[in-house]
């Protein structure tokens, strides 16, 4: 997927980032008392440039270590921050005013940033004025014309070839961005530590494995149920849960969610239901009598996620997943008791 042109053979040098920066990501203690969050070490990029990477629109070459990085993709800033670099601008999901979740904000420090209102159809004039030396648009919905205009501003890293918009896996996005930043070993370390955290969580909660669960977002006439191809569905799957068969059978492979009408709400029944909402006060059990009749409701196994919990599983990054585990797993375990 990528190749590095080395001027000399040199290992990537790792240096520590202050532990205080980890406060935003909730810390858990695993066996032996070791921290379960990634260790966010800064990485050197000695002699790894130029770097050439193939992506969905061709290839991009980054000639030297980027200093003014624009995080155009909705979740790309998390990876860039985890690598020890503060982007000069970032987008993000609309439920965060600054585009960043609580797991990432302390990594920004006092650095000034520009908020990009949308990664879909951004202001190219705004981006050009930032004078970036790298635009990261891995978690973005770009067309050919968009990419061509961005590439005229600065080297632009789009999603990897063979992936769909907004469906690049957490590990692949991390590795891809880390390669562009000249820090591939650090990217692999971040992914490995999150994978280890997930594995420990499964080991500590064997009751999750094989149980059924769904993450939903209320719509005007029902619910969007997220599939394992989506970050929110991936969160449950990564902890051993399976999608209820009544939901899975609606998956036609064309989308990352399925529509569940109010009359079909019984399809959502299972061992666990996590409800997301734009309204932090929303309680899905007040949507109607059909919900309250479900076994998952009678068993008190419905979680009305907070906005930050919703954000953590929606961003699905090496920074947000430790936060999601800290915030949601105790509630999930209690719901299954």
C-alpha atoms as a PDB file:
ATOM      1  CA  UNK A   1       0.000   0.000   0.000  1.00  0.00           C
ATOM      2  CA  UNK A   2       2.848   2.366   0.671  1.00  0.00           C
ATOM      3  CA  UNK A   3       6.528   2.525   0.042  1.00  0.00           C
ATOM      4  CA  UNK A   4       9.223   4.610   1.703  1.00  0.00           C
ATOM      5  CA  UNK A   5      12.197   6.035  -0.165  1.00  0.00           C
ATOM      6  CA  UNK A   6      15.021   6.161   2.388  1.00  0.00           C
ATOM      7  CA  UNK A   7      18.007   8.442   2.068  1.00  0.00           C
ATOM      8  CA  UNK A   8      19.712   6.408   4.793  1.00  0.00           C
ATOM      9  CA  UNK A   9      18.842   3.444   6.973  1.00  0.00           C
ATOM     10  CA  UNK A  10      17.551   4.675  10.276  1.00  0.00           C
ATOM     11  CA  UNK A  11      15.154   3.447  12.933  1.00  0.00           C
ATOM     12  CA  UNK A  12      12.218   5.565  13.985  1.00  0.00           C
ATOM     13  CA  UNK A  13      13.059   7.222  17.265  1.00  0.00           C
ATOM     14  CA  UNK A  14      10.321   7.209  19.890  1.00  0.00           C
ATOM     15  CA  UNK A  15      10.070   9.851  22.597  1.00  0.00           C
ATOM     16  CA  UNK A  16       7.548  10.206  25.405  1.00  0.00           C
ATOM     17  CA  UNK A  17       4.654  12.649  25.472  1.00  0.00           C
ATOM     18  CA  UNK A  18       3.768  13.989  28.891  1.00  0.00           C
ATOM     19  CA  UNK A  19       1.459  11.711  30.852  1.00  0.00           C
ATOM     20  CA  UNK A  20      -0.764  14.671  31.643  1.00  0.00           C
ATOM     21  CA  UNK A  21      -1.984  14.580  28.060  1.00  0.00           C
ATOM     22  CA  UNK A  22      -3.650  11.237  28.753  1.00  0.00           C
ATOM     23  CA  UNK A  23      -6.248  12.686  31.105  1.00  0.00           C
ATOM     24  CA  UNK A  24      -8.816  13.123  28.325  1.00  0.00           C
ATOM     25  CA  UNK A  25      -8.751   9.390  27.614  1.00  0.00           C
ATOM     26  CA  UNK A  26     -10.218   7.506  30.559  1.00  0.00           C
ATOM     27  CA  UNK A  27      -7.593   5.140  31.985  1.00  0.00           C
ATOM     28  CA  UNK A  28      -8.400   1.601  33.027  1.00  0.00           C
ATOM     29  CA  UNK A  29      -6.095  -0.774  34.854  1.00  0.00           C
ATOM     30  CA  UNK A  30      -5.671  -4.258  33.470  1.00  0.00           C
ATOM     31  CA  UNK A  31      -3.828  -7.257  34.906  1.00  0.00           C
ATOM     32  CA  UNK A  32      -0.728  -6.184  36.760  1.00  0.00           C
ATOM     33  CA  UNK A  33      -1.955  -2.593  37.008  1.00  0.00           C
ATOM     34  CA  UNK A  34      -0.728  -1.515  33.592  1.00  0.00           C
ATOM     35  CA  UNK A  35      -2.496   1.327  31.829  1.00  0.00           C
ATOM     36  CA  UNK A  36      -4.984   0.229  29.188  1.00  0.00           C
ATOM     37  CA  UNK A  37      -4.813   3.395  27.081  1.00  0.00           C
ATOM     38  CA  UNK A  38      -2.284   3.815  24.277  1.00  0.00           C
ATOM     39  CA  UNK A  39       1.039   5.219  25.406  1.00  0.00           C
ATOM     40  CA  UNK A  40       1.030   8.102  22.890  1.00  0.00           C
ATOM     41  CA  UNK A  41       4.759   8.236  22.332  1.00  0.00           C
ATOM     42  CA  UNK A  42       6.065  10.890  19.958  1.00  0.00           C
ATOM     43  CA  UNK A  43       7.829   9.497  16.927  1.00  0.00           C
ATOM     44  CA  UNK A  44      10.768  10.731  14.932  1.00  0.00           C
ATOM     45  CA  UNK A  45      10.781  10.507  11.162  1.00  0.00           C
ATOM     46  CA  UNK A  46      14.516  10.373  10.485  1.00  0.00           C
ATOM     47  CA  UNK A  47      15.260   9.838   6.802  1.00  0.00           C
ATOM     48  CA  UNK A  48      11.959   8.139   5.900  1.00  0.00           C
ATOM     49  CA  UNK A  49      10.875  10.819   3.447  1.00  0.00           C
ATOM     50  CA  UNK A  50       9.797  11.103   0.716  1.00  0.00           C
ATOM     51  CA  UNK A  51       6.875   8.711   1.302  1.00  0.00           C
ATOM     52  CA  UNK A  52       4.553   7.600  -1.502  1.00  0.00           C
ATOM     53  CA  UNK A  53       1.135   6.099  -0.731  1.00  0.00           C
ATOM     54  CA  UNK A  54      -1.491   4.677  -3.060  1.00  0.00           C
ATOM     55  CA  UNK A  55      -5.082   5.687  -2.352  1.00  0.00           C
ATOM     56  CA  UNK A  56      -8.546   5.681  -3.902  1.00  0.00           C
ATOM     57  CA  UNK A  57      -7.700   8.460  -6.387  1.00  0.00           C
ATOM     58  CA  UNK A  58      -4.169   7.456  -7.345  1.00  0.00           C
ATOM     59  CA  UNK A  59      -1.120   8.149  -5.227  1.00  0.00           C
ATOM     60  CA  UNK A  60       0.407  10.941  -3.192  1.00  0.00           C
ATOM     61  CA  UNK A  61       4.011  11.689  -2.343  1.00  0.00           C
ATOM     62  CA  UNK A  62       4.930  13.542   0.836  1.00  0.00           C
ATOM     63  CA  UNK A  63       8.415  14.944   0.305  1.00  0.00           C
ATOM     64  CA  UNK A  64       9.275  15.844   3.885  1.00  0.00           C
ATOM     65  CA  UNK A  65       7.922  15.686   7.402  1.00  0.00           C
ATOM     66  CA  UNK A  66       4.620  17.646   7.382  1.00  0.00           C
ATOM     67  CA  UNK A  67       4.301  20.477   9.875  1.00  0.00           C
ATOM     68  CA  UNK A  68       1.045  22.180   8.847  1.00  0.00           C
ATOM     69  CA  UNK A  69      -1.441  19.333   8.681  1.00  0.00           C
ATOM     70  CA  UNK A  70      -5.145  19.756   7.938  1.00  0.00           C
ATOM     71  CA  UNK A  71      -7.365  16.989   9.342  1.00  0.00           C
ATOM     72  CA  UNK A  72     -10.177  17.150   6.803  1.00  0.00           C
ATOM     73  CA  UNK A  73     -11.689  13.723   7.485  1.00  0.00           C
ATOM     74  CA  UNK A  74     -14.267  13.659  10.264  1.00  0.00           C
ATOM     75  CA  UNK A  75     -12.166  11.530  12.630  1.00  0.00           C
ATOM     76  CA  UNK A  76      -8.667  12.062  11.207  1.00  0.00           C
ATOM     77  CA  UNK A  77      -7.639  14.601  13.865  1.00  0.00           C
ATOM     78  CA  UNK A  78      -7.703  11.884  16.534  1.00  0.00           C
ATOM     79  CA  UNK A  79      -5.017   9.866  14.782  1.00  0.00           C
ATOM     80  CA  UNK A  80      -2.876  12.918  14.044  1.00  0.00           C
ATOM     81  CA  UNK A  81      -3.083  14.014  17.684  1.00  0.00           C
ATOM     82  CA  UNK A  82      -2.253  10.496  18.900  1.00  0.00           C
ATOM     83  CA  UNK A  83       0.887  10.697  16.767  1.00  0.00           C
ATOM     84  CA  UNK A  84       1.931  13.835  18.639  1.00  0.00           C
ATOM     85  CA  UNK A  85       1.030  16.478  16.044  1.00  0.00           C
ATOM     86  CA  UNK A  86      -1.616  19.197  16.480  1.00  0.00           C
ATOM     87  CA  UNK A  87      -3.359  19.885  13.147  1.00  0.00           C
ATOM     88  CA  UNK A  88      -3.734  23.503  12.055  1.00  0.00           C
ATOM     89  CA  UNK A  89      -7.388  22.761  11.218  1.00  0.00           C
ATOM     90  CA  UNK A  90      -9.860  19.931  11.680  1.00  0.00           C
ATOM     91  CA  UNK A  91     -13.417  18.959  10.878  1.00  0.00           C
ATOM     92  CA  UNK A  92     -15.434  16.523  13.004  1.00  0.00           C
ATOM     93  CA  UNK A  93     -18.954  15.424  13.729  1.00  0.00           C
ATOM     94  CA  UNK A  94     -21.460  18.220  14.267  1.00  0.00           C
ATOM     95  CA  UNK A  95     -22.329  17.283  17.840  1.00  0.00           C
ATOM     96  CA  UNK A  96     -18.927  18.668  18.914  1.00  0.00           C
ATOM     97  CA  UNK A  97     -18.502  22.405  18.433  1.00  0.00           C
ATOM     98  CA  UNK A  98     -14.738  22.114  18.000  1.00  0.00           C
ATOM     99  CA  UNK A  99     -14.912  18.758  16.214  1.00  0.00           C
ATOM    100  CA  UNK A 100     -13.041  16.991  19.025  1.00  0.00           C
ATOM    101  CA  UNK A 101     -14.250  14.656  21.745  1.00  0.00           C
ATOM    102  CA  UNK A 102     -13.131  14.857  25.392  1.00  0.00           C
ATOM    103  CA  UNK A 103     -10.587  12.084  24.763  1.00  0.00           C
ATOM    104  CA  UNK A 104      -8.653  14.364  22.382  1.00  0.00           C
ATOM    105  CA  UNK A 105      -8.935  17.935  23.656  1.00  0.00           C
ATOM    106  CA  UNK A 106      -6.115  17.819  26.196  1.00  0.00           C
ATOM    107  CA  UNK A 107      -3.726  16.750  23.432  1.00  0.00           C
ATOM    108  CA  UNK A 108      -4.288  20.093  21.695  1.00  0.00           C
ATOM    109  CA  UNK A 109      -2.918  22.205  24.542  1.00  0.00           C
ATOM    110  CA  UNK A 110      -2.781  25.908  23.750  1.00  0.00           C
ATOM    111  CA  UNK A 111      -2.351  25.421  20.010  1.00  0.00           C
ATOM    112  CA  UNK A 112      -4.758  27.444  17.878  1.00  0.00           C
ATOM    113  CA  UNK A 113      -6.815  25.569  15.294  1.00  0.00           C
ATOM    114  CA  UNK A 114      -9.338  26.405  12.611  1.00  0.00           C
ATOM    115  CA  UNK A 115     -12.648  24.519  12.667  1.00  0.00           C
ATOM    116  CA  UNK A 116     -13.609  23.217   9.217  1.00  0.00           C
ATOM    117  CA  UNK A 117     -17.383  23.151   9.194  1.00  0.00           C
ATOM    118  CA  UNK A 118     -17.706  20.211   6.804  1.00  0.00           C
ATOM    119  CA  UNK A 119     -15.397  17.693   5.176  1.00  0.00           C
ATOM    120  CA  UNK A 120     -18.006  17.205   2.447  1.00  0.00           C
ATOM    121  CA  UNK A 121     -17.727  20.181   0.104  1.00  0.00           C
ATOM    122  CA  UNK A 122     -15.289  22.223   2.223  1.00  0.00           C
ATOM    123  CA  UNK A 123     -14.275  25.795   1.483  1.00  0.00           C
ATOM    124  CA  UNK A 124     -11.259  25.342  -0.747  1.00  0.00           C
ATOM    125  CA  UNK A 125     -10.384  29.001  -0.252  1.00  0.00           C
ATOM    126  CA  UNK A 126     -10.311  28.473   3.517  1.00  0.00           C
ATOM    127  CA  UNK A 127      -8.057  25.451   3.132  1.00  0.00           C
ATOM    128  CA  UNK A 128      -5.688  27.219   0.747  1.00  0.00           C
ATOM    129  CA  UNK A 129      -5.347  30.146   3.161  1.00  0.00           C
ATOM    130  CA  UNK A 130      -4.064  27.740   5.819  1.00  0.00           C
ATOM    131  CA  UNK A 131      -1.053  26.939   3.619  1.00  0.00           C
ATOM    132  CA  UNK A 132      -0.969  23.254   4.616  1.00  0.00           C
ATOM    133  CA  UNK A 133       1.807  20.894   3.631  1.00  0.00           C
ATOM    134  CA  UNK A 134      -0.484  17.850   4.052  1.00  0.00           C
ATOM    135  CA  UNK A 135      -4.265  17.395   3.872  1.00  0.00           C
ATOM    136  CA  UNK A 136      -5.531  14.189   5.509  1.00  0.00           C
ATOM    137  CA  UNK A 137      -8.924  13.141   4.126  1.00  0.00           C
ATOM    138  CA  UNK A 138      -9.126   9.461   5.041  1.00  0.00           C
ATOM    139  CA  UNK A 139     -12.450   9.665   6.918  1.00  0.00           C
ATOM    140  CA  UNK A 140     -14.130  11.821   4.294  1.00  0.00           C
ATOM    141  CA  UNK A 141     -16.582  11.578   1.419  1.00  0.00           C
ATOM    142  CA  UNK A 142     -14.615  12.891  -1.548  1.00  0.00           C
ATOM    143  CA  UNK A 143     -15.366  12.778  -5.259  1.00  0.00           C
ATOM    144  CA  UNK A 144     -12.810  12.978  -8.061  1.00  0.00           C
ATOM    145  CA  UNK A 145     -13.317  16.712  -8.534  1.00  0.00           C
ATOM    146  CA  UNK A 146     -12.961  17.380  -4.793  1.00  0.00           C
ATOM    147  CA  UNK A 147      -9.731  15.429  -4.664  1.00  0.00           C
ATOM    148  CA  UNK A 148      -8.258  17.229  -7.674  1.00  0.00           C
ATOM    149  CA  UNK A 149      -8.956  20.619  -6.117  1.00  0.00           C
ATOM    150  CA  UNK A 150      -7.486  19.563  -2.772  1.00  0.00           C
ATOM    151  CA  UNK A 151      -4.385  18.138  -4.444  1.00  0.00           C
ATOM    152  CA  UNK A 152      -3.760  21.520  -6.047  1.00  0.00           C
ATOM    153  CA  UNK A 153      -3.578  23.056  -2.569  1.00  0.00           C
ATOM    154  CA  UNK A 154      -1.300  20.463  -0.924  1.00  0.00           C
ATOM    155  CA  UNK A 155      -0.452  16.748  -1.011  1.00  0.00           C
ATOM    156  CA  UNK A 156      -3.731  15.055  -0.072  1.00  0.00           C
ATOM    157  CA  UNK A 157      -4.132  11.640   1.537  1.00  0.00           C
ATOM    158  CA  UNK A 158      -7.528  10.153   0.601  1.00  0.00           C
ATOM    159  CA  UNK A 159      -8.986   6.860   1.817  1.00  0.00           C
ATOM    160  CA  UNK A 160      -7.096   3.679   0.877  1.00  0.00           C
ATOM    161  CA  UNK A 161      -7.906   2.076  -2.467  1.00  0.00           C
ATOM    162  CA  UNK A 162     -10.660  -0.523  -2.236  1.00  0.00           C
ATOM    163  CA  UNK A 163     -12.419   1.102   0.724  1.00  0.00           C
ATOM    164  CA  UNK A 164     -15.742   2.932   0.833  1.00  0.00           C
ATOM    165  CA  UNK A 165     -16.452   6.437   2.136  1.00  0.00           C
ATOM    166  CA  UNK A 166     -16.482   6.521   5.944  1.00  0.00           C
ATOM    167  CA  UNK A 167     -15.837   2.767   6.177  1.00  0.00           C
ATOM    168  CA  UNK A 168     -12.061   2.615   6.603  1.00  0.00           C
ATOM    169  CA  UNK A 169     -11.284   0.405   9.588  1.00  0.00           C
ATOM    170  CA  UNK A 170      -9.690   1.896  12.680  1.00  0.00           C
ATOM    171  CA  UNK A 171      -6.409  -0.005  12.203  1.00  0.00           C
ATOM    172  CA  UNK A 172      -6.146   0.756   8.502  1.00  0.00           C
ATOM    173  CA  UNK A 173      -6.833   4.465   9.007  1.00  0.00           C
ATOM    174  CA  UNK A 174      -4.254   4.627  11.796  1.00  0.00           C
ATOM    175  CA  UNK A 175      -1.577   2.826   9.778  1.00  0.00           C
ATOM    176  CA  UNK A 176      -2.268   4.895   6.662  1.00  0.00           C
ATOM    177  CA  UNK A 177      -2.107   8.262   8.395  1.00  0.00           C
ATOM    178  CA  UNK A 178       0.939   7.244  10.434  1.00  0.00           C
ATOM    179  CA  UNK A 179       2.754   6.267   7.227  1.00  0.00           C
ATOM    180  CA  UNK A 180       2.003   9.687   5.699  1.00  0.00           C
ATOM    181  CA  UNK A 181       3.326  11.363   8.839  1.00  0.00           C
ATOM    182  CA  UNK A 182       6.551   9.333   8.688  1.00  0.00           C
ATOM    183  CA  UNK A 183       5.653   7.440  11.882  1.00  0.00           C
ATOM    184  CA  UNK A 184       4.550   3.932  10.808  1.00  0.00           C
ATOM    185  CA  UNK A 185       5.943   2.123  13.853  1.00  0.00           C
ATOM    186  CA  UNK A 186       4.146   4.472  16.200  1.00  0.00           C
ATOM    187  CA  UNK A 187       0.895   3.915  14.301  1.00  0.00           C
ATOM    188  CA  UNK A 188       1.238   0.149  14.627  1.00  0.00           C
ATOM    189  CA  UNK A 189       1.966   0.516  18.332  1.00  0.00           C
ATOM    190  CA  UNK A 190      -1.183   2.570  18.862  1.00  0.00           C
ATOM    191  CA  UNK A 191      -3.331  -0.013  17.079  1.00  0.00           C
ATOM    192  CA  UNK A 192      -1.739  -2.944  18.880  1.00  0.00           C
ATOM    193  CA  UNK A 193      -2.368  -1.389  22.278  1.00  0.00           C
ATOM    194  CA  UNK A 194      -6.028  -0.711  21.507  1.00  0.00           C
ATOM    195  CA  UNK A 195      -6.416  -4.282  20.216  1.00  0.00           C
ATOM    196  CA  UNK A 196      -4.836  -5.541  23.443  1.00  0.00           C
ATOM    197  CA  UNK A 197      -7.262  -3.419  25.464  1.00  0.00           C
ATOM    198  CA  UNK A 198     -10.225  -4.892  23.583  1.00  0.00           C
ATOM    199  CA  UNK A 199      -8.865  -8.410  24.120  1.00  0.00           C
ATOM    200  CA  UNK A 200      -8.505  -7.779  27.864  1.00  0.00           C
ATOM    201  CA  UNK A 201     -12.025  -6.397  28.021  1.00  0.00           C
ATOM    202  CA  UNK A 202     -13.425  -9.531  26.358  1.00  0.00           C
ATOM    203  CA  UNK A 203     -11.436 -11.693  28.773  1.00  0.00           C
ATOM    204  CA  UNK A 204     -12.776  -9.735  31.739  1.00  0.00           C
ATOM    205  CA  UNK A 205     -16.367  -9.931  30.402  1.00  0.00           C
ATOM    206  CA  UNK A 206     -16.925 -13.412  28.948  1.00  0.00           C
ATOM    207  CA  UNK A 207     -20.658 -12.765  29.298  1.00  0.00           C
ATOM    208  CA  UNK A 208     -20.465 -10.513  26.218  1.00  0.00           C
ATOM    209  CA  UNK A 209     -19.382 -13.214  23.789  1.00  0.00           C
ATOM    210  CA  UNK A 210     -22.215 -14.605  21.718  1.00  0.00           C
ATOM    211  CA  UNK A 211     -24.821 -12.226  23.112  1.00  0.00           C
ATOM    212  CA  UNK A 212     -26.928 -10.150  20.734  1.00  0.00           C
ATOM    213  CA  UNK A 213     -26.863  -6.377  20.664  1.00  0.00           C
ATOM    214  CA  UNK A 214     -27.719  -3.419  18.448  1.00  0.00           C
ATOM    215  CA  UNK A 215     -26.792   0.258  18.359  1.00  0.00           C
ATOM    216  CA  UNK A 216     -29.614   2.463  17.062  1.00  0.00           C
ATOM    217  CA  UNK A 217     -30.275   6.108  16.262  1.00  0.00           C
ATOM    218  CA  UNK A 218     -33.924   7.268  16.280  1.00  0.00           C
ATOM    219  CA  UNK A 219     -35.249   8.556  12.935  1.00  0.00           C
ATOM    220  CA  UNK A 220     -38.441  10.389  12.055  1.00  0.00           C
ATOM    221  CA  UNK A 221     -40.420   7.193  11.609  1.00  0.00           C
ATOM    222  CA  UNK A 222     -38.360   4.553  13.361  1.00  0.00           C
ATOM    223  CA  UNK A 223     -34.701   3.731  13.920  1.00  0.00           C
ATOM    224  CA  UNK A 224     -31.428   3.369  12.082  1.00  0.00           C
ATOM    225  CA  UNK A 225     -29.772   0.140  13.218  1.00  0.00           C
ATOM    226  CA  UNK A 226     -26.017   0.178  12.613  1.00  0.00           C
ATOM    227  CA  UNK A 227     -24.320  -2.782  10.973  1.00  0.00           C
ATOM    228  CA  UNK A 228     -20.834  -4.206  11.698  1.00  0.00           C
ATOM    229  CA  UNK A 229     -19.520  -2.285   8.665  1.00  0.00           C
ATOM    230  CA  UNK A 230     -20.124   0.922  10.616  1.00  0.00           C
ATOM    231  CA  UNK A 231     -18.023   2.182  13.530  1.00  0.00           C
ATOM    232  CA  UNK A 232     -20.939   1.940  15.965  1.00  0.00           C
ATOM    233  CA  UNK A 233     -21.724  -1.617  14.975  1.00  0.00           C
ATOM    234  CA  UNK A 234     -18.020  -2.468  15.057  1.00  0.00           C
ATOM    235  CA  UNK A 235     -17.805  -1.441  18.694  1.00  0.00           C
ATOM    236  CA  UNK A 236     -20.251  -4.112  19.812  1.00  0.00           C
ATOM    237  CA  UNK A 237     -18.766  -6.702  17.459  1.00  0.00           C
ATOM    238  CA  UNK A 238     -15.249  -5.997  18.755  1.00  0.00           C
ATOM    239  CA  UNK A 239     -16.442  -6.937  22.256  1.00  0.00           C
ATOM    240  CA  UNK A 240     -17.977 -10.257  21.194  1.00  0.00           C
ATOM    241  CA  UNK A 241     -21.579  -9.256  20.509  1.00  0.00           C
ATOM    242  CA  UNK A 242     -23.543 -10.435  17.506  1.00  0.00           C
ATOM    243  CA  UNK A 243     -26.242  -8.569  15.596  1.00  0.00           C
ATOM    244  CA  UNK A 244     -29.766  -9.987  16.154  1.00  0.00           C
ATOM    245  CA  UNK A 245     -30.678 -12.179  13.194  1.00  0.00           C
ATOM    246  CA  UNK A 246     -33.837 -10.148  12.559  1.00  0.00           C
ATOM    247  CA  UNK A 247     -31.656  -7.088  11.945  1.00  0.00           C
ATOM    248  CA  UNK A 248     -28.850  -8.872  10.084  1.00  0.00           C
ATOM    249  CA  UNK A 249     -31.255 -10.345   7.526  1.00  0.00           C
ATOM    250  CA  UNK A 250     -32.167  -6.821   6.363  1.00  0.00           C
ATOM    251  CA  UNK A 251     -28.566  -6.078   5.377  1.00  0.00           C
ATOM    252  CA  UNK A 252     -28.350  -5.913   1.574  1.00  0.00           C
ATOM    253  CA  UNK A 253     -24.699  -4.899   1.550  1.00  0.00           C
ATOM    254  CA  UNK A 254     -25.507  -1.438   0.197  1.00  0.00           C
ATOM    255  CA  UNK A 255     -25.329   0.617   3.387  1.00  0.00           C
ATOM    256  CA  UNK A 256     -23.811   0.799   6.859  1.00  0.00           C
ATOM    257  CA  UNK A 257     -27.241   0.750   8.543  1.00  0.00           C
ATOM    258  CA  UNK A 258     -30.739  -0.638   8.042  1.00  0.00           C
ATOM    259  CA  UNK A 259     -34.033   1.176   8.515  1.00  0.00           C
ATOM    260  CA  UNK A 260     -36.310  -0.237  11.213  1.00  0.00           C
ATOM    261  CA  UNK A 261     -39.805   1.216  11.174  1.00  0.00           C
ATOM    262  CA  UNK A 262     -41.713   1.805  14.395  1.00  0.00           C
ATOM    263  CA  UNK A 263     -43.914  -1.184  13.522  1.00  0.00           C
ATOM    264  CA  UNK A 264     -40.826  -3.401  13.116  1.00  0.00           C
ATOM    265  CA  UNK A 265     -39.277  -2.476  16.441  1.00  0.00           C
ATOM    266  CA  UNK A 266     -39.467  -6.089  17.622  1.00  0.00           C
ATOM    267  CA  UNK A 267     -36.523  -6.774  15.268  1.00  0.00           C
ATOM    268  CA  UNK A 268     -34.353  -4.852  17.728  1.00  0.00           C
ATOM    269  CA  UNK A 269     -35.031  -7.288  20.555  1.00  0.00           C
ATOM    270  CA  UNK A 270     -31.974  -9.023  21.926  1.00  0.00           C
ATOM    271  CA  UNK A 271     -29.690  -9.045  24.935  1.00  0.00           C
ATOM    272  CA  UNK A 272     -28.595  -5.412  24.678  1.00  0.00           C
ATOM    273  CA  UNK A 273     -29.725  -2.205  22.975  1.00  0.00           C
ATOM    274  CA  UNK A 274     -27.710   1.022  22.897  1.00  0.00           C
ATOM    275  CA  UNK A 275     -29.675   4.097  21.868  1.00  0.00           C
ATOM    276  CA  UNK A 276     -27.999   7.211  20.494  1.00  0.00           C
ATOM    277  CA  UNK A 277     -29.722  10.560  20.087  1.00  0.00           C
ATOM    278  CA  UNK A 278     -29.185  14.192  19.184  1.00  0.00           C
ATOM    279  CA  UNK A 279     -31.128  14.975  22.349  1.00  0.00           C
ATOM    280  CA  UNK A 280     -29.106  14.112  25.478  1.00  0.00           C
ATOM    281  CA  UNK A 281     -32.339  13.837  27.454  1.00  0.00           C
ATOM    282  CA  UNK A 282     -33.949  11.343  25.066  1.00  0.00           C
ATOM    283  CA  UNK A 283     -35.095   8.047  26.577  1.00  0.00           C
ATOM    284  CA  UNK A 284     -35.911   5.417  23.960  1.00  0.00           C
ATOM    285  CA  UNK A 285     -38.243   3.600  26.345  1.00  0.00           C
ATOM    286  CA  UNK A 286     -40.580   6.588  26.126  1.00  0.00           C
ATOM    287  CA  UNK A 287     -40.931   6.264  22.342  1.00  0.00           C
ATOM    288  CA  UNK A 288     -43.951   3.999  22.590  1.00  0.00           C
ATOM    289  CA  UNK A 289     -45.509   0.884  24.047  1.00  0.00           C
ATOM    290  CA  UNK A 290     -43.921  -1.402  21.438  1.00  0.00           C
ATOM    291  CA  UNK A 291     -40.447  -0.672  22.815  1.00  0.00           C
ATOM    292  CA  UNK A 292     -41.430  -1.386  26.396  1.00  0.00           C
ATOM    293  CA  UNK A 293     -42.812  -4.797  25.400  1.00  0.00           C
ATOM    294  CA  UNK A 294     -39.422  -6.017  24.201  1.00  0.00           C
ATOM    295  CA  UNK A 295     -37.489  -8.452  26.375  1.00  0.00           C
ATOM    296  CA  UNK A 296     -34.478  -6.136  26.222  1.00  0.00           C
ATOM    297  CA  UNK A 297     -36.635  -3.421  27.841  1.00  0.00           C
ATOM    298  CA  UNK A 298     -38.169  -5.729  30.446  1.00  0.00           C
ATOM    299  CA  UNK A 299     -34.660  -6.883  31.356  1.00  0.00           C
ATOM    300  CA  UNK A 300     -33.495  -3.276  31.804  1.00  0.00           C
ATOM    301  CA  UNK A 301     -30.835  -3.913  29.162  1.00  0.00           C
ATOM    302  CA  UNK A 302     -31.306  -0.648  27.231  1.00  0.00           C
ATOM    303  CA  UNK A 303     -28.607   1.994  27.497  1.00  0.00           C
ATOM    304  CA  UNK A 304     -29.433   5.578  26.556  1.00  0.00           C
ATOM    305  CA  UNK A 305     -25.946   6.733  25.619  1.00  0.00           C
ATOM    306  CA  UNK A 306     -24.668  10.164  26.551  1.00  0.00           C
ATOM    307  CA  UNK A 307     -23.428  12.469  23.801  1.00  0.00           C
ATOM    308  CA  UNK A 308     -19.807  11.681  24.660  1.00  0.00           C
ATOM    309  CA  UNK A 309     -20.482   7.938  24.672  1.00  0.00           C
ATOM    310  CA  UNK A 310     -22.124   8.318  21.293  1.00  0.00           C
ATOM    311  CA  UNK A 311     -19.138  10.305  20.073  1.00  0.00           C
ATOM    312  CA  UNK A 312     -16.614   7.764  21.318  1.00  0.00           C
ATOM    313  CA  UNK A 313     -18.093   4.824  19.404  1.00  0.00           C
ATOM    314  CA  UNK A 314     -18.853   6.972  16.349  1.00  0.00           C
ATOM    315  CA  UNK A 315     -15.278   8.264  16.050  1.00  0.00           C
ATOM    316  CA  UNK A 316     -13.907   4.739  16.616  1.00  0.00           C
ATOM    317  CA  UNK A 317     -10.263   5.806  16.875  1.00  0.00           C
ATOM    318  CA  UNK A 318      -7.220   4.820  18.901  1.00  0.00           C
ATOM    319  CA  UNK A 319      -8.078   7.746  21.183  1.00  0.00           C
ATOM    320  CA  UNK A 320     -11.840   7.283  21.490  1.00  0.00           C
ATOM    321  CA  UNK A 321     -12.104   3.507  22.003  1.00  0.00           C
ATOM    322  CA  UNK A 322     -10.367   3.497  25.415  1.00  0.00           C
ATOM    323  CA  UNK A 323     -12.786   6.251  26.453  1.00  0.00           C
ATOM    324  CA  UNK A 324     -15.751   4.242  25.135  1.00  0.00           C
ATOM    325  CA  UNK A 325     -14.655   1.156  27.042  1.00  0.00           C
ATOM    326  CA  UNK A 326     -14.254   3.100  30.273  1.00  0.00           C
ATOM    327  CA  UNK A 327     -17.624   4.805  29.870  1.00  0.00           C
ATOM    328  CA  UNK A 328     -19.830   2.089  28.382  1.00  0.00           C
ATOM    329  CA  UNK A 329     -18.527  -1.341  29.381  1.00  0.00           C
ATOM    330  CA  UNK A 330     -19.555  -1.087  33.055  1.00  0.00           C
ATOM    331  CA  UNK A 331     -23.075  -0.128  31.944  1.00  0.00           C
ATOM    332  CA  UNK A 332     -23.150  -2.979  29.436  1.00  0.00           C
ATOM    333  CA  UNK A 333     -22.053  -5.477  32.071  1.00  0.00           C
ATOM    334  CA  UNK A 334     -24.680  -4.219  34.509  1.00  0.00           C
ATOM    335  CA  UNK A 335     -27.376  -4.406  31.827  1.00  0.00           C
ATOM    336  CA  UNK A 336     -26.632  -8.093  31.213  1.00  0.00           C
ATOM    337  CA  UNK A 337     -26.709  -9.094  34.868  1.00  0.00           C
END
